[in-house]
Amino acid sequence: MGSGGYVIHSSVIIDPSAKIASDVTIGAYSIIGPGVEIGRGTVIGAHVQLVKNVKIGEYNQISAYSVLGGDPAHRMHQPEDETYLIIGNHNVIHEYAVFHRGAKVCGGVTRIGDYNYIMCYVHIGHDSQVMSHTTFVNNVNIAGSVVIEDYAYMGAYSFCFQRTRVGSSAMLTPRMMVSRNILPYMIVKEDQVCGVNRIGMQRRGYSEEQISRVKSLYKVICREKLLLTEVKAKLVQSEDVFAHEFLAFFNHGSFLRK
């Protein structure tokens, strides 16, 4: 027990450069490395390693045996490169999670937003951007420079290839291999888009009328046998805000349609 509200086990190793706010709990045998910052109210379990340059916000829960802020798995990374892992507020990170810092050649920062729920054995690679309110079920693997948008649901054992993107409120069923971008609000099963994530949209407070509009756009994009240029032309002509959200997503590269 330390002064100022700290609850830090006597076996914890803390680098002198680390900055730890008040009301932080750190369990036995954890290691807090150089350049680490931990915001108030955060609870860190036993045997956690915060390797280097990890910036953690407020009221996060990080469970036992997680390793956050390790070197990026990138051949061009150099030991002297100053790169970072930045984690927001109110995240739950379960046991054995592994998040890498960014690689300098790819931007140098891996970011985790707020209110994410991340289960056991999840890996998040260098320079990936996980936004807010996402759910990662056990054993999800995210390669480098991946973007996971708000409220996305990543089923167990899902894998995202490098530089892919999962749209807002998309839902991936277990064991999905994501090699192309996933459109917002879609449910994807066995490498096929199979409908709109109605329940996910309802939980976010979308009305039935809004959900119906997304369903209509889903049919245009994924079920009508149109060329991509024809789909884009229809979306450009539409005044629907969801149409423009999908249209903006087209600029991020190829995406799963069928």
C-alpha atoms as a PDB file:
ATOM      1  CA  MET A   1       0.000   0.000   0.000  1.00  0.00           C
ATOM      2  CA  GLY A   2       1.488   3.313  -1.050  1.00  0.00           C
ATOM      3  CA  SER A   3       0.689   6.896  -0.174  1.00  0.00           C
ATOM      4  CA  GLY A   4      -1.877   9.024  -1.979  1.00  0.00           C
ATOM      5  CA  GLY A   5      -4.347   6.214  -2.598  1.00  0.00           C
ATOM      6  CA  TYR A   6      -2.003   3.811  -4.359  1.00  0.00           C
ATOM      7  CA  VAL A   7      -2.559   0.089  -3.813  1.00  0.00           C
ATOM      8  CA  ILE A   8       0.598  -1.446  -5.255  1.00  0.00           C
ATOM      9  CA  HIS A   9       1.923  -4.853  -4.235  1.00  0.00           C
ATOM     10  CA  SER A  10       5.431  -4.843  -2.798  1.00  0.00           C
ATOM     11  CA  SER A  11       6.675  -7.211  -5.533  1.00  0.00           C
ATOM     12  CA  VAL A  12       5.820  -4.827  -8.392  1.00  0.00           C
ATOM     13  CA  ILE A  13       8.774  -3.430 -10.367  1.00  0.00           C
ATOM     14  CA  ILE A  14       8.302   0.174 -11.507  1.00  0.00           C
ATOM     15  CA  ASP A  15      10.696   2.085 -13.755  1.00  0.00           C
ATOM     16  CA  PRO A  16      11.629   5.504 -12.304  1.00  0.00           C
ATOM     17  CA  SER A  17      10.277   7.262 -15.410  1.00  0.00           C
ATOM     18  CA  ALA A  18       6.776   5.800 -15.043  1.00  0.00           C
ATOM     19  CA  LYS A  19       3.935   8.120 -14.009  1.00  0.00           C
ATOM     20  CA  ILE A  20       1.155   6.573 -11.935  1.00  0.00           C
ATOM     21  CA  ALA A  21      -1.917   8.580 -10.930  1.00  0.00           C
ATOM     22  CA  SER A  22      -3.706   8.341  -7.604  1.00  0.00           C
ATOM     23  CA  ASP A  23      -6.107   5.511  -6.788  1.00  0.00           C
ATOM     24  CA  VAL A  24      -4.295   3.001  -9.028  1.00  0.00           C
ATOM     25  CA  THR A  25      -4.129  -0.690  -8.078  1.00  0.00           C
ATOM     26  CA  ILE A  26      -1.315  -2.927  -9.347  1.00  0.00           C
ATOM     27  CA  GLY A  27      -1.227  -6.638  -8.529  1.00  0.00           C
ATOM     28  CA  ALA A  28       1.685  -8.846  -7.531  1.00  0.00           C
ATOM     29  CA  TYR A  29       4.721  -9.344  -9.775  1.00  0.00           C
ATOM     30  CA  SER A  30       3.655  -6.860 -12.424  1.00  0.00           C
ATOM     31  CA  ILE A  31       6.324  -4.878 -14.279  1.00  0.00           C
ATOM     32  CA  ILE A  32       5.823  -1.222 -15.202  1.00  0.00           C
ATOM     33  CA  GLY A  33       8.420  -0.218 -17.778  1.00  0.00           C
ATOM     34  CA  PRO A  34       9.938   3.074 -18.968  1.00  0.00           C
ATOM     35  CA  GLY A  35       7.699   5.796 -20.330  1.00  0.00           C
ATOM     36  CA  VAL A  36       4.525   4.216 -18.954  1.00  0.00           C
ATOM     37  CA  GLU A  37       1.682   6.438 -17.751  1.00  0.00           C
ATOM     38  CA  ILE A  38      -1.340   5.096 -15.844  1.00  0.00           C
ATOM     39  CA  GLY A  39      -4.446   7.211 -15.244  1.00  0.00           C
ATOM     40  CA  ARG A  40      -6.457   7.346 -12.054  1.00  0.00           C
ATOM     41  CA  GLY A  41      -8.759   4.550 -10.994  1.00  0.00           C
ATOM     42  CA  THR A  42      -7.093   1.965 -13.220  1.00  0.00           C
ATOM     43  CA  VAL A  43      -6.763  -1.574 -11.860  1.00  0.00           C
ATOM     44  CA  ILE A  44      -3.911  -3.766 -13.095  1.00  0.00           C
ATOM     45  CA  GLY A  45      -3.876  -7.438 -12.158  1.00  0.00           C
ATOM     46  CA  ALA A  46      -1.019  -9.716 -11.174  1.00  0.00           C
ATOM     47  CA  HIS A  47       1.821 -10.605 -13.537  1.00  0.00           C
ATOM     48  CA  VAL A  48       0.963  -7.849 -16.029  1.00  0.00           C
ATOM     49  CA  GLN A  49       3.802  -6.341 -18.058  1.00  0.00           C
ATOM     50  CA  LEU A  50       3.574  -2.805 -19.417  1.00  0.00           C
ATOM     51  CA  VAL A  51       6.726  -2.927 -21.481  1.00  0.00           C
ATOM     52  CA  LYS A  52       7.454   0.586 -22.740  1.00  0.00           C
ATOM     53  CA  ASN A  53       5.756   3.850 -23.727  1.00  0.00           C
ATOM     54  CA  VAL A  54       2.248   2.717 -22.786  1.00  0.00           C
ATOM     55  CA  LYS A  55      -0.150   5.587 -22.059  1.00  0.00           C
ATOM     56  CA  ILE A  56      -3.219   4.321 -20.179  1.00  0.00           C
ATOM     57  CA  GLY A  57      -6.193   6.540 -19.371  1.00  0.00           C
ATOM     58  CA  GLU A  58      -8.613   6.389 -16.459  1.00  0.00           C
ATOM     59  CA  TYR A  59     -10.666   3.559 -14.924  1.00  0.00           C
ATOM     60  CA  ASN A  60      -9.353   0.717 -17.037  1.00  0.00           C
ATOM     61  CA  GLN A  61      -9.230  -2.917 -15.876  1.00  0.00           C
ATOM     62  CA  ILE A  62      -6.258  -4.942 -17.108  1.00  0.00           C
ATOM     63  CA  SER A  63      -6.253  -8.579 -16.056  1.00  0.00           C
ATOM     64  CA  ALA A  64      -3.458 -10.979 -15.166  1.00  0.00           C
ATOM     65  CA  TYR A  65      -0.682 -11.994 -17.555  1.00  0.00           C
ATOM     66  CA  SER A  66      -1.427  -9.341 -20.155  1.00  0.00           C
ATOM     67  CA  VAL A  67       1.594  -7.927 -21.995  1.00  0.00           C
ATOM     68  CA  LEU A  68       0.988  -4.437 -23.353  1.00  0.00           C
ATOM     69  CA  GLY A  69       3.405  -2.193 -25.220  1.00  0.00           C
ATOM     70  CA  GLY A  70       5.859  -4.782 -26.491  1.00  0.00           C
ATOM     71  CA  ASP A  71       7.969  -4.193 -29.596  1.00  0.00           C
ATOM     72  CA  PRO A  72       6.041  -4.235 -32.891  1.00  0.00           C
ATOM     73  CA  ALA A  73       6.339  -7.368 -34.996  1.00  0.00           C
ATOM     74  CA  HIS A  74       7.859  -5.476 -37.922  1.00  0.00           C
ATOM     75  CA  ARG A  75      11.223  -6.238 -39.515  1.00  0.00           C
ATOM     76  CA  MET A  76      12.117  -2.550 -39.882  1.00  0.00           C
ATOM     77  CA  HIS A  77      11.610  -1.724 -36.211  1.00  0.00           C
ATOM     78  CA  GLN A  78      14.774  -0.544 -34.480  1.00  0.00           C
ATOM     79  CA  PRO A  79      15.360  -0.737 -30.707  1.00  0.00           C
ATOM     80  CA  GLU A  80      15.951   3.017 -30.533  1.00  0.00           C
ATOM     81  CA  ASP A  81      12.612   3.889 -32.206  1.00  0.00           C
ATOM     82  CA  GLU A  82      10.275   5.774 -29.875  1.00  0.00           C
ATOM     83  CA  THR A  83       6.833   4.330 -30.562  1.00  0.00           C
ATOM     84  CA  TYR A  84       3.689   4.134 -28.444  1.00  0.00           C
ATOM     85  CA  LEU A  85       0.596   2.272 -27.315  1.00  0.00           C
ATOM     86  CA  ILE A  86      -2.195   4.626 -26.244  1.00  0.00           C
ATOM     87  CA  ILE A  87      -5.223   3.277 -24.365  1.00  0.00           C
ATOM     88  CA  GLY A  88      -8.233   5.442 -23.505  1.00  0.00           C
ATOM     89  CA  ASN A  89     -10.667   5.225 -20.595  1.00  0.00           C
ATOM     90  CA  HIS A  90     -13.015   2.603 -19.123  1.00  0.00           C
ATOM     91  CA  ASN A  91     -11.671  -0.361 -21.075  1.00  0.00           C
ATOM     92  CA  VAL A  92     -11.862  -3.954 -19.807  1.00  0.00           C
ATOM     93  CA  ILE A  93      -8.909  -6.080 -20.942  1.00  0.00           C
ATOM     94  CA  HIS A  94      -8.965  -9.712 -19.883  1.00  0.00           C
ATOM     95  CA  GLU A  95      -6.191 -12.231 -19.259  1.00  0.00           C
ATOM     96  CA  TYR A  96      -3.265 -12.855 -21.619  1.00  0.00           C
ATOM     97  CA  ALA A  97      -3.990  -9.939 -23.951  1.00  0.00           C
ATOM     98  CA  VAL A  98      -1.029  -8.845 -26.097  1.00  0.00           C
ATOM     99  CA  PHE A  99      -0.982  -5.340 -27.631  1.00  0.00           C
ATOM    100  CA  HIS A 100       2.101  -4.088 -29.498  1.00  0.00           C
ATOM    101  CA  ARG A 101       3.376  -0.539 -29.811  1.00  0.00           C
ATOM    102  CA  GLY A 102       3.384   1.070 -33.240  1.00  0.00           C
ATOM    103  CA  ALA A 103       6.177   0.697 -35.768  1.00  0.00           C
ATOM    104  CA  LYS A 104       7.885   3.949 -36.749  1.00  0.00           C
ATOM    105  CA  VAL A 105       7.592   3.216 -40.485  1.00  0.00           C
ATOM    106  CA  CYS A 106       3.805   2.771 -40.117  1.00  0.00           C
ATOM    107  CA  GLY A 107       3.079   5.811 -37.952  1.00  0.00           C
ATOM    108  CA  GLY A 108       4.406   4.661 -34.602  1.00  0.00           C
ATOM    109  CA  VAL A 109       1.201   4.595 -32.543  1.00  0.00           C
ATOM    110  CA  THR A 110      -1.245   1.815 -31.695  1.00  0.00           C
ATOM    111  CA  ARG A 111      -4.497   3.228 -30.281  1.00  0.00           C
ATOM    112  CA  ILE A 112      -7.297   1.748 -28.206  1.00  0.00           C
ATOM    113  CA  GLY A 113     -10.294   4.028 -27.594  1.00  0.00           C
ATOM    114  CA  ASP A 114     -12.813   4.007 -24.735  1.00  0.00           C
ATOM    115  CA  TYR A 115     -15.293   1.482 -23.284  1.00  0.00           C
ATOM    116  CA  ASN A 116     -13.946  -1.504 -25.192  1.00  0.00           C
ATOM    117  CA  TYR A 117     -14.517  -5.022 -23.838  1.00  0.00           C
ATOM    118  CA  ILE A 118     -11.609  -7.277 -24.755  1.00  0.00           C
ATOM    119  CA  MET A 119     -11.619 -10.925 -23.671  1.00  0.00           C
ATOM    120  CA  CYS A 120      -8.800 -13.429 -23.142  1.00  0.00           C
ATOM    121  CA  TYR A 121      -5.879 -14.080 -25.513  1.00  0.00           C
ATOM    122  CA  VAL A 122      -6.585 -11.155 -27.845  1.00  0.00           C
ATOM    123  CA  HIS A 123      -3.665  -9.861 -29.925  1.00  0.00           C
ATOM    124  CA  ILE A 124      -3.657  -6.343 -31.386  1.00  0.00           C
ATOM    125  CA  GLY A 125      -0.793  -5.646 -33.767  1.00  0.00           C
ATOM    126  CA  HIS A 126       1.303  -2.545 -34.360  1.00  0.00           C
ATOM    127  CA  ASP A 127      -0.357   0.694 -35.510  1.00  0.00           C
ATOM    128  CA  SER A 128      -3.861  -0.742 -35.340  1.00  0.00           C
ATOM    129  CA  GLN A 129      -6.668   1.582 -34.327  1.00  0.00           C
ATOM    130  CA  VAL A 130      -9.455   0.164 -32.176  1.00  0.00           C
ATOM    131  CA  MET A 131     -12.084   2.845 -31.695  1.00  0.00           C
ATOM    132  CA  SER A 132     -14.677   2.722 -28.873  1.00  0.00           C
ATOM    133  CA  HIS A 133     -17.391   0.402 -27.514  1.00  0.00           C
ATOM    134  CA  THR A 134     -16.074  -2.630 -29.418  1.00  0.00           C
ATOM    135  CA  THR A 135     -16.263  -6.241 -28.246  1.00  0.00           C
ATOM    136  CA  PHE A 136     -13.461  -8.741 -28.850  1.00  0.00           C
ATOM    137  CA  VAL A 137     -14.304 -12.332 -27.937  1.00  0.00           C
ATOM    138  CA  ASN A 138     -11.537 -14.767 -26.942  1.00  0.00           C
ATOM    139  CA  ASN A 139      -8.564 -15.378 -29.243  1.00  0.00           C
ATOM    140  CA  VAL A 140      -9.174 -12.601 -31.766  1.00  0.00           C
ATOM    141  CA  ASN A 141      -6.019 -11.686 -33.704  1.00  0.00           C
ATOM    142  CA  ILE A 142      -5.536  -8.293 -35.338  1.00  0.00           C
ATOM    143  CA  ALA A 143      -2.553  -7.781 -37.640  1.00  0.00           C
ATOM    144  CA  GLY A 144      -0.745  -4.474 -38.190  1.00  0.00           C
ATOM    145  CA  SER A 145      -2.444  -1.234 -39.297  1.00  0.00           C
ATOM    146  CA  VAL A 146      -5.992  -2.587 -38.920  1.00  0.00           C
ATOM    147  CA  VAL A 147      -8.930  -0.291 -38.073  1.00  0.00           C
ATOM    148  CA  ILE A 148     -11.837  -1.540 -35.948  1.00  0.00           C
ATOM    149  CA  GLU A 149     -14.601   1.063 -35.851  1.00  0.00           C
ATOM    150  CA  ASP A 150     -17.022   1.897 -33.013  1.00  0.00           C
ATOM    151  CA  TYR A 151     -19.322  -0.857 -31.705  1.00  0.00           C
ATOM    152  CA  ALA A 152     -17.851  -3.585 -33.918  1.00  0.00           C
ATOM    153  CA  TYR A 153     -18.233  -7.128 -32.587  1.00  0.00           C
ATOM    154  CA  MET A 154     -15.350  -9.520 -33.242  1.00  0.00           C
ATOM    155  CA  GLY A 155     -16.308 -13.191 -32.844  1.00  0.00           C
ATOM    156  CA  ALA A 156     -13.988 -15.715 -31.208  1.00  0.00           C
ATOM    157  CA  TYR A 157     -10.908 -16.763 -33.188  1.00  0.00           C
ATOM    158  CA  SER A 158     -11.476 -14.064 -35.819  1.00  0.00           C
ATOM    159  CA  PHE A 159      -8.405 -12.835 -37.671  1.00  0.00           C
ATOM    160  CA  CYS A 160      -7.934  -9.541 -39.519  1.00  0.00           C
ATOM    161  CA  PHE A 161      -5.238  -9.336 -42.166  1.00  0.00           C
ATOM    162  CA  GLN A 162      -2.938  -6.312 -42.330  1.00  0.00           C
ATOM    163  CA  ARG A 163      -4.527  -2.966 -43.265  1.00  0.00           C
ATOM    164  CA  THR A 164      -8.100  -4.247 -43.246  1.00  0.00           C
ATOM    165  CA  ARG A 165     -10.996  -2.328 -41.738  1.00  0.00           C
ATOM    166  CA  VAL A 166     -14.129  -3.446 -39.877  1.00  0.00           C
ATOM    167  CA  GLY A 167     -16.971  -0.937 -40.033  1.00  0.00           C
ATOM    168  CA  SER A 168     -19.050   0.519 -37.240  1.00  0.00           C
ATOM    169  CA  SER A 169     -21.526  -1.943 -35.662  1.00  0.00           C
ATOM    170  CA  ALA A 170     -20.398  -4.757 -37.951  1.00  0.00           C
ATOM    171  CA  MET A 171     -20.631  -8.230 -36.415  1.00  0.00           C
ATOM    172  CA  LEU A 172     -18.177 -11.008 -37.235  1.00  0.00           C
ATOM    173  CA  THR A 173     -19.165 -14.546 -36.345  1.00  0.00           C
ATOM    174  CA  PRO A 174     -16.487 -16.893 -34.919  1.00  0.00           C
ATOM    175  CA  ARG A 175     -13.450 -17.940 -36.964  1.00  0.00           C
ATOM    176  CA  MET A 176     -13.798 -15.223 -39.597  1.00  0.00           C
ATOM    177  CA  MET A 177     -10.720 -14.534 -41.730  1.00  0.00           C
ATOM    178  CA  VAL A 178     -10.953 -10.886 -42.758  1.00  0.00           C
ATOM    179  CA  SER A 179      -8.926 -10.215 -45.904  1.00  0.00           C
ATOM    180  CA  ARG A 180     -11.247  -7.508 -47.281  1.00  0.00           C
ATOM    181  CA  ASN A 181     -12.891  -4.621 -45.487  1.00  0.00           C
ATOM    182  CA  ILE A 182     -16.223  -5.232 -43.736  1.00  0.00           C
ATOM    183  CA  LEU A 183     -18.960  -2.653 -44.319  1.00  0.00           C
ATOM    184  CA  PRO A 184     -20.655  -0.929 -41.356  1.00  0.00           C
ATOM    185  CA  TYR A 185     -23.739  -2.561 -39.791  1.00  0.00           C
ATOM    186  CA  MET A 186     -23.232  -5.880 -41.601  1.00  0.00           C
ATOM    187  CA  ILE A 187     -23.238  -9.425 -40.178  1.00  0.00           C
ATOM    188  CA  VAL A 188     -20.528 -11.581 -41.735  1.00  0.00           C
ATOM    189  CA  LYS A 189     -20.501 -15.362 -41.483  1.00  0.00           C
ATOM    190  CA  GLU A 190     -18.162 -17.801 -43.232  1.00  0.00           C
ATOM    191  CA  ASP A 191     -16.770 -15.074 -45.499  1.00  0.00           C
ATOM    192  CA  GLN A 192     -20.233 -13.959 -46.613  1.00  0.00           C
ATOM    193  CA  VAL A 193     -22.282 -10.880 -45.811  1.00  0.00           C
ATOM    194  CA  CYS A 194     -25.551 -12.364 -44.577  1.00  0.00           C
ATOM    195  CA  GLY A 195     -27.585  -9.393 -43.382  1.00  0.00           C
ATOM    196  CA  VAL A 196     -27.829  -6.277 -41.247  1.00  0.00           C
ATOM    197  CA  ASN A 197     -26.889  -6.256 -37.557  1.00  0.00           C
ATOM    198  CA  ARG A 198     -30.389  -5.274 -36.468  1.00  0.00           C
ATOM    199  CA  ILE A 199     -29.901  -6.046 -32.777  1.00  0.00           C
ATOM    200  CA  GLY A 200     -26.638  -4.122 -32.655  1.00  0.00           C
ATOM    201  CA  MET A 201     -28.322  -1.106 -34.231  1.00  0.00           C
ATOM    202  CA  GLN A 202     -31.267  -1.344 -31.828  1.00  0.00           C
ATOM    203  CA  ARG A 203     -28.878  -1.383 -28.877  1.00  0.00           C
ATOM    204  CA  ARG A 204     -27.333   1.833 -30.173  1.00  0.00           C
ATOM    205  CA  GLY A 205     -30.759   3.455 -30.272  1.00  0.00           C
ATOM    206  CA  TYR A 206     -31.405   3.437 -34.004  1.00  0.00           C
ATOM    207  CA  SER A 207     -35.082   3.546 -34.978  1.00  0.00           C
ATOM    208  CA  GLU A 208     -36.850   0.904 -37.067  1.00  0.00           C
ATOM    209  CA  GLU A 209     -37.015   3.426 -39.901  1.00  0.00           C
ATOM    210  CA  GLN A 210     -33.231   3.906 -39.810  1.00  0.00           C
ATOM    211  CA  ILE A 211     -32.645   0.146 -39.706  1.00  0.00           C
ATOM    212  CA  SER A 212     -34.959  -0.257 -42.689  1.00  0.00           C
ATOM    213  CA  ARG A 213     -32.931   2.307 -44.640  1.00  0.00           C
ATOM    214  CA  VAL A 214     -29.713   0.404 -43.934  1.00  0.00           C
ATOM    215  CA  LYS A 215     -31.395  -2.822 -45.062  1.00  0.00           C
ATOM    216  CA  SER A 216     -32.348  -1.160 -48.348  1.00  0.00           C
ATOM    217  CA  LEU A 217     -28.756  -0.044 -48.878  1.00  0.00           C
ATOM    218  CA  TYR A 218     -27.519  -3.537 -48.023  1.00  0.00           C
ATOM    219  CA  LYS A 219     -29.674  -4.931 -50.819  1.00  0.00           C
ATOM    220  CA  VAL A 220     -28.294  -2.390 -53.293  1.00  0.00           C
ATOM    221  CA  ILE A 221     -24.668  -3.005 -52.342  1.00  0.00           C
ATOM    222  CA  CYS A 222     -24.645  -6.723 -51.628  1.00  0.00           C
ATOM    223  CA  ARG A 223     -27.647  -8.384 -53.264  1.00  0.00           C
ATOM    224  CA  GLU A 224     -28.360  -6.581 -56.509  1.00  0.00           C
ATOM    225  CA  LYS A 225     -25.998  -7.746 -59.232  1.00  0.00           C
ATOM    226  CA  LEU A 226     -24.562  -4.313 -59.929  1.00  0.00           C
ATOM    227  CA  LEU A 227     -21.069  -3.246 -60.866  1.00  0.00           C
ATOM    228  CA  LEU A 228     -19.298  -1.319 -58.137  1.00  0.00           C
ATOM    229  CA  THR A 229     -19.390   1.805 -60.307  1.00  0.00           C
ATOM    230  CA  GLU A 230     -23.174   1.453 -60.532  1.00  0.00           C
ATOM    231  CA  VAL A 231     -23.469   1.047 -56.768  1.00  0.00           C
ATOM    232  CA  LYS A 232     -21.355   4.150 -56.183  1.00  0.00           C
ATOM    233  CA  ALA A 233     -23.471   6.141 -58.621  1.00  0.00           C
ATOM    234  CA  LYS A 234     -26.637   5.211 -56.702  1.00  0.00           C
ATOM    235  CA  LEU A 235     -25.069   6.163 -53.388  1.00  0.00           C
ATOM    236  CA  VAL A 236     -23.816   9.498 -54.730  1.00  0.00           C
ATOM    237  CA  GLN A 237     -27.350  10.365 -55.868  1.00  0.00           C
ATOM    238  CA  SER A 238     -28.850   9.471 -52.487  1.00  0.00           C
ATOM    239  CA  GLU A 239     -29.370  12.043 -49.735  1.00  0.00           C
ATOM    240  CA  ASP A 240     -29.420   9.344 -47.046  1.00  0.00           C
ATOM    241  CA  VAL A 241     -26.710   9.833 -44.403  1.00  0.00           C
ATOM    242  CA  PHE A 242     -26.182   6.067 -44.289  1.00  0.00           C
ATOM    243  CA  ALA A 243     -25.562   6.044 -48.046  1.00  0.00           C
ATOM    244  CA  HIS A 244     -22.818   8.611 -47.597  1.00  0.00           C
ATOM    245  CA  GLU A 245     -21.344   6.604 -44.729  1.00  0.00           C
ATOM    246  CA  PHE A 246     -21.103   3.579 -47.018  1.00  0.00           C
ATOM    247  CA  LEU A 247     -19.748   5.736 -49.830  1.00  0.00           C
ATOM    248  CA  ALA A 248     -16.952   7.052 -47.613  1.00  0.00           C
ATOM    249  CA  PHE A 249     -16.125   3.472 -46.693  1.00  0.00           C
ATOM    250  CA  PHE A 250     -15.545   2.636 -50.377  1.00  0.00           C
ATOM    251  CA  ASN A 251     -12.425   4.809 -50.311  1.00  0.00           C
ATOM    252  CA  HIS A 252     -10.707   2.478 -47.825  1.00  0.00           C
ATOM    253  CA  GLY A 253     -10.107  -0.301 -50.363  1.00  0.00           C
ATOM    254  CA  SER A 254     -11.845  -3.496 -51.432  1.00  0.00           C
ATOM    255  CA  PHE A 255     -14.655  -4.821 -49.257  1.00  0.00           C
ATOM    256  CA  LEU A 256     -16.760  -7.930 -48.855  1.00  0.00           C
ATOM    257  CA  ARG A 257     -20.026  -7.717 -50.843  1.00  0.00           C
ATOM    258  CA  LYS A 258     -21.319 -11.289 -51.204  1.00  0.00           C
END
